[in-house]
């Protein structure tokens, strides 16, 4: 899959560390092994047989991640804590949010999240999520449970 973001082409890598690089000039496609690039965040450069030189990045995530600003709230049942959040980015498998206030959330906690998509239907999403990382008021989570959620989000998250 290929996505254009901020003038930079991003190619998504599959489960076998393969991706297909496509020349923006002539459309020539070449599948490459990305194993040696897994630890880099650098922009890469390709030279096509048509003479075109272009830069790109590789994305090793399983799902496309969309930048958003969605209001919502969290609940940490075990710690008895609740708070308002803004979801900053979202994918089929997880999200990153910012809490309005300081919190007691820790990596490994399970949260109940509720937020509203900014689509025409104003779809309300409720999900359980495992906390993967915490940096001050910013929190990264991975969704757990219900596959029906994918149906609600898949159209919304189309690039």
C-alpha atoms as a PDB file:
ATOM      1  CA  UNK A   1       0.000   0.000   0.000  1.00  0.00           C
ATOM      2  CA  UNK A   2       1.199   3.511  -0.809  1.00  0.00           C
ATOM      3  CA  UNK A   3       0.153   6.697   1.009  1.00  0.00           C
ATOM      4  CA  UNK A   4       1.121  10.325   0.312  1.00  0.00           C
ATOM      5  CA  UNK A   5       1.672  12.381   3.488  1.00  0.00           C
ATOM      6  CA  UNK A   6       3.123  15.880   3.538  1.00  0.00           C
ATOM      7  CA  UNK A   7       4.626  15.435   0.081  1.00  0.00           C
ATOM      8  CA  UNK A   8       6.440  12.241   1.108  1.00  0.00           C
ATOM      9  CA  UNK A   9       5.469   8.831  -0.228  1.00  0.00           C
ATOM     10  CA  UNK A  10       5.081   6.180   2.460  1.00  0.00           C
ATOM     11  CA  UNK A  11       5.058   2.485   1.552  1.00  0.00           C
ATOM     12  CA  UNK A  12       3.562  -0.042   3.982  1.00  0.00           C
ATOM     13  CA  UNK A  13       5.524  -3.225   4.697  1.00  0.00           C
ATOM     14  CA  UNK A  14       3.679  -6.554   4.895  1.00  0.00           C
ATOM     15  CA  UNK A  15       4.090  -9.371   7.458  1.00  0.00           C
ATOM     16  CA  UNK A  16       6.957 -10.929   5.466  1.00  0.00           C
ATOM     17  CA  UNK A  17       8.955  -7.647   5.410  1.00  0.00           C
ATOM     18  CA  UNK A  18       8.171  -7.062   1.745  1.00  0.00           C
ATOM     19  CA  UNK A  19       6.847  -3.895   0.102  1.00  0.00           C
ATOM     20  CA  UNK A  20       6.355  -2.762  -3.444  1.00  0.00           C
ATOM     21  CA  UNK A  21       8.027   0.528  -4.361  1.00  0.00           C
ATOM     22  CA  UNK A  22       6.285   2.354  -7.222  1.00  0.00           C
ATOM     23  CA  UNK A  23       7.976   5.061  -9.296  1.00  0.00           C
ATOM     24  CA  UNK A  24       5.874   8.261  -9.228  1.00  0.00           C
ATOM     25  CA  UNK A  25       7.065   9.125 -12.744  1.00  0.00           C
ATOM     26  CA  UNK A  26       6.526   5.969 -14.816  1.00  0.00           C
ATOM     27  CA  UNK A  27       4.660   3.627 -12.454  1.00  0.00           C
ATOM     28  CA  UNK A  28       7.328   0.911 -12.559  1.00  0.00           C
ATOM     29  CA  UNK A  29       6.861  -1.327  -9.505  1.00  0.00           C
ATOM     30  CA  UNK A  30       9.495  -3.379  -7.729  1.00  0.00           C
ATOM     31  CA  UNK A  31       9.024  -5.553  -4.645  1.00  0.00           C
ATOM     32  CA  UNK A  32      11.868  -5.297  -2.141  1.00  0.00           C
ATOM     33  CA  UNK A  33      12.867  -6.988   1.104  1.00  0.00           C
ATOM     34  CA  UNK A  34      12.865  -4.382   3.902  1.00  0.00           C
ATOM     35  CA  UNK A  35      14.410  -6.498   6.676  1.00  0.00           C
ATOM     36  CA  UNK A  36      17.592  -4.379   6.772  1.00  0.00           C
ATOM     37  CA  UNK A  37      15.563  -1.161   7.076  1.00  0.00           C
ATOM     38  CA  UNK A  38      13.408  -2.192  10.048  1.00  0.00           C
ATOM     39  CA  UNK A  39      15.335  -0.130  12.612  1.00  0.00           C
ATOM     40  CA  UNK A  40      15.633   3.057  10.534  1.00  0.00           C
ATOM     41  CA  UNK A  41      13.335   6.042  10.529  1.00  0.00           C
ATOM     42  CA  UNK A  42      15.242   7.683   7.695  1.00  0.00           C
ATOM     43  CA  UNK A  43      14.003   8.785   4.344  1.00  0.00           C
ATOM     44  CA  UNK A  44      15.180   6.379   1.686  1.00  0.00           C
ATOM     45  CA  UNK A  45      16.011   7.134  -1.930  1.00  0.00           C
ATOM     46  CA  UNK A  46      15.245   5.063  -5.011  1.00  0.00           C
ATOM     47  CA  UNK A  47      16.528   5.419  -8.552  1.00  0.00           C
ATOM     48  CA  UNK A  48      14.122   4.091 -11.170  1.00  0.00           C
ATOM     49  CA  UNK A  49      15.172   2.627 -14.510  1.00  0.00           C
ATOM     50  CA  UNK A  50      13.365   5.590 -16.178  1.00  0.00           C
ATOM     51  CA  UNK A  51      15.902   7.949 -14.563  1.00  0.00           C
ATOM     52  CA  UNK A  52      13.565   9.286 -11.855  1.00  0.00           C
ATOM     53  CA  UNK A  53      15.080   9.625  -8.372  1.00  0.00           C
ATOM     54  CA  UNK A  54      12.591   9.872  -5.500  1.00  0.00           C
ATOM     55  CA  UNK A  55      12.534   9.730  -1.716  1.00  0.00           C
ATOM     56  CA  UNK A  56      10.192   7.625   0.402  1.00  0.00           C
ATOM     57  CA  UNK A  57       9.701   6.208   3.880  1.00  0.00           C
ATOM     58  CA  UNK A  58       8.710   2.738   5.049  1.00  0.00           C
ATOM     59  CA  UNK A  59       5.903   2.078   7.494  1.00  0.00           C
ATOM     60  CA  UNK A  60       6.108  -1.163   9.451  1.00  0.00           C
ATOM     61  CA  UNK A  61       2.765  -0.725  11.215  1.00  0.00           C
ATOM     62  CA  UNK A  62       0.058  -3.234  10.380  1.00  0.00           C
ATOM     63  CA  UNK A  63      -2.599  -0.556   9.911  1.00  0.00           C
ATOM     64  CA  UNK A  64      -2.758   2.957   8.521  1.00  0.00           C
ATOM     65  CA  UNK A  65      -2.697   5.599  11.266  1.00  0.00           C
ATOM     66  CA  UNK A  66      -4.768   8.764  10.813  1.00  0.00           C
ATOM     67  CA  UNK A  67      -4.084  12.073  12.574  1.00  0.00           C
ATOM     68  CA  UNK A  68      -7.299  13.255  14.235  1.00  0.00           C
ATOM     69  CA  UNK A  69      -8.588  15.534  17.013  1.00  0.00           C
ATOM     70  CA  UNK A  70     -11.494  13.621  18.548  1.00  0.00           C
ATOM     71  CA  UNK A  71     -13.025  14.402  21.961  1.00  0.00           C
ATOM     72  CA  UNK A  72     -13.589  11.549  24.363  1.00  0.00           C
ATOM     73  CA  UNK A  73     -12.961  10.133  27.792  1.00  0.00           C
ATOM     74  CA  UNK A  74     -11.222   7.242  29.508  1.00  0.00           C
ATOM     75  CA  UNK A  75     -12.008   5.114  32.496  1.00  0.00           C
ATOM     76  CA  UNK A  76      -9.478   3.048  34.439  1.00  0.00           C
ATOM     77  CA  UNK A  77     -11.781   0.763  36.422  1.00  0.00           C
ATOM     78  CA  UNK A  78      -9.037  -0.859  38.551  1.00  0.00           C
ATOM     79  CA  UNK A  79      -7.679   2.506  39.680  1.00  0.00           C
ATOM     80  CA  UNK A  80     -11.092   4.204  39.857  1.00  0.00           C
ATOM     81  CA  UNK A  81      -9.923   7.011  37.589  1.00  0.00           C
ATOM     82  CA  UNK A  82     -11.783   8.818  34.816  1.00  0.00           C
ATOM     83  CA  UNK A  83     -10.861  11.748  32.619  1.00  0.00           C
ATOM     84  CA  UNK A  84     -11.407  13.681  29.422  1.00  0.00           C
ATOM     85  CA  UNK A  85      -9.122  13.100  26.454  1.00  0.00           C
ATOM     86  CA  UNK A  86      -8.431  14.155  22.887  1.00  0.00           C
ATOM     87  CA  UNK A  87      -7.598  11.275  20.549  1.00  0.00           C
ATOM     88  CA  UNK A  88      -4.598  12.492  18.518  1.00  0.00           C
ATOM     89  CA  UNK A  89      -4.226   9.582  16.085  1.00  0.00           C
ATOM     90  CA  UNK A  90      -6.144   6.435  15.357  1.00  0.00           C
ATOM     91  CA  UNK A  91      -5.776   3.109  13.551  1.00  0.00           C
ATOM     92  CA  UNK A  92      -7.726  -0.136  13.453  1.00  0.00           C
ATOM     93  CA  UNK A  93      -5.465  -1.567  16.141  1.00  0.00           C
ATOM     94  CA  UNK A  94      -4.811   1.364  18.469  1.00  0.00           C
ATOM     95  CA  UNK A  95      -4.739   5.052  19.273  1.00  0.00           C
ATOM     96  CA  UNK A  96      -2.758   7.812  20.892  1.00  0.00           C
ATOM     97  CA  UNK A  97      -4.524  10.289  23.132  1.00  0.00           C
ATOM     98  CA  UNK A  98      -3.765  13.226  25.387  1.00  0.00           C
ATOM     99  CA  UNK A  99      -5.426  13.563  28.771  1.00  0.00           C
ATOM    100  CA  UNK A 100      -6.653  17.040  29.753  1.00  0.00           C
ATOM    101  CA  UNK A 101      -5.356  16.544  33.300  1.00  0.00           C
ATOM    102  CA  UNK A 102      -2.503  14.632  34.952  1.00  0.00           C
ATOM    103  CA  UNK A 103      -3.419  10.978  35.477  1.00  0.00           C
ATOM    104  CA  UNK A 104      -2.291   7.746  37.137  1.00  0.00           C
ATOM    105  CA  UNK A 105      -2.276   5.646  33.938  1.00  0.00           C
ATOM    106  CA  UNK A 106       0.605   3.151  33.637  1.00  0.00           C
ATOM    107  CA  UNK A 107       1.841   0.832  30.889  1.00  0.00           C
ATOM    108  CA  UNK A 108      -0.083  -2.436  31.109  1.00  0.00           C
ATOM    109  CA  UNK A 109      -3.298  -0.859  32.456  1.00  0.00           C
ATOM    110  CA  UNK A 110      -6.584  -1.662  30.733  1.00  0.00           C
ATOM    111  CA  UNK A 111      -8.752   1.352  29.931  1.00  0.00           C
ATOM    112  CA  UNK A 112     -12.269   1.818  28.627  1.00  0.00           C
ATOM    113  CA  UNK A 113     -12.211   4.500  25.924  1.00  0.00           C
ATOM    114  CA  UNK A 114     -15.127   6.393  24.451  1.00  0.00           C
ATOM    115  CA  UNK A 115     -14.793   8.930  21.643  1.00  0.00           C
ATOM    116  CA  UNK A 116     -16.837  10.330  18.779  1.00  0.00           C
ATOM    117  CA  UNK A 117     -15.716  10.231  15.163  1.00  0.00           C
ATOM    118  CA  UNK A 118     -15.950  13.466  13.183  1.00  0.00           C
ATOM    119  CA  UNK A 119     -17.852  11.736  10.369  1.00  0.00           C
ATOM    120  CA  UNK A 120     -21.363  12.788   9.254  1.00  0.00           C
ATOM    121  CA  UNK A 121     -22.969  10.134  11.499  1.00  0.00           C
ATOM    122  CA  UNK A 122     -20.925  11.271  14.545  1.00  0.00           C
ATOM    123  CA  UNK A 123     -20.288   7.592  15.327  1.00  0.00           C
ATOM    124  CA  UNK A 124     -19.562   6.858  18.989  1.00  0.00           C
ATOM    125  CA  UNK A 125     -16.757   4.357  19.533  1.00  0.00           C
ATOM    126  CA  UNK A 126     -16.382   2.436  22.805  1.00  0.00           C
ATOM    127  CA  UNK A 127     -13.362   0.161  23.183  1.00  0.00           C
ATOM    128  CA  UNK A 128     -11.240  -1.572  25.760  1.00  0.00           C
ATOM    129  CA  UNK A 129      -7.553  -0.853  25.295  1.00  0.00           C
ATOM    130  CA  UNK A 130      -4.245  -1.937  26.791  1.00  0.00           C
ATOM    131  CA  UNK A 131      -1.806   0.876  27.602  1.00  0.00           C
ATOM    132  CA  UNK A 132       1.437   0.336  25.681  1.00  0.00           C
ATOM    133  CA  UNK A 133       3.300   3.511  26.686  1.00  0.00           C
ATOM    134  CA  UNK A 134       2.864   6.734  28.696  1.00  0.00           C
ATOM    135  CA  UNK A 135       4.727  10.033  28.265  1.00  0.00           C
ATOM    136  CA  UNK A 136       3.395  12.652  30.662  1.00  0.00           C
ATOM    137  CA  UNK A 137      -0.236  13.233  29.553  1.00  0.00           C
ATOM    138  CA  UNK A 138       0.216  11.386  26.208  1.00  0.00           C
ATOM    139  CA  UNK A 139      -0.805   7.719  26.131  1.00  0.00           C
ATOM    140  CA  UNK A 140      -0.499   5.039  23.431  1.00  0.00           C
ATOM    141  CA  UNK A 141      -2.968   2.153  23.520  1.00  0.00           C
ATOM    142  CA  UNK A 142      -3.663  -1.064  21.640  1.00  0.00           C
ATOM    143  CA  UNK A 143      -7.313  -2.049  21.249  1.00  0.00           C
ATOM    144  CA  UNK A 144      -8.427  -5.388  22.653  1.00  0.00           C
ATOM    145  CA  UNK A 145     -11.537  -7.460  22.024  1.00  0.00           C
ATOM    146  CA  UNK A 146     -14.449  -6.864  19.656  1.00  0.00           C
ATOM    147  CA  UNK A 147     -13.758  -7.255  15.948  1.00  0.00           C
ATOM    148  CA  UNK A 148     -17.037  -5.477  15.119  1.00  0.00           C
ATOM    149  CA  UNK A 149     -15.164  -2.260  15.841  1.00  0.00           C
ATOM    150  CA  UNK A 150     -13.198  -2.711  12.613  1.00  0.00           C
ATOM    151  CA  UNK A 151     -16.422  -2.376  10.616  1.00  0.00           C
ATOM    152  CA  UNK A 152     -17.156   0.967  12.303  1.00  0.00           C
ATOM    153  CA  UNK A 153     -13.679   2.346  11.670  1.00  0.00           C
ATOM    154  CA  UNK A 154     -12.509   0.836   8.386  1.00  0.00           C
ATOM    155  CA  UNK A 155     -14.411   3.291   6.179  1.00  0.00           C
ATOM    156  CA  UNK A 156     -13.501   6.238   8.414  1.00  0.00           C
ATOM    157  CA  UNK A 157      -9.790   5.405   8.291  1.00  0.00           C
ATOM    158  CA  UNK A 158      -9.483   5.122   4.515  1.00  0.00           C
ATOM    159  CA  UNK A 159      -6.530   7.261   3.424  1.00  0.00           C
END
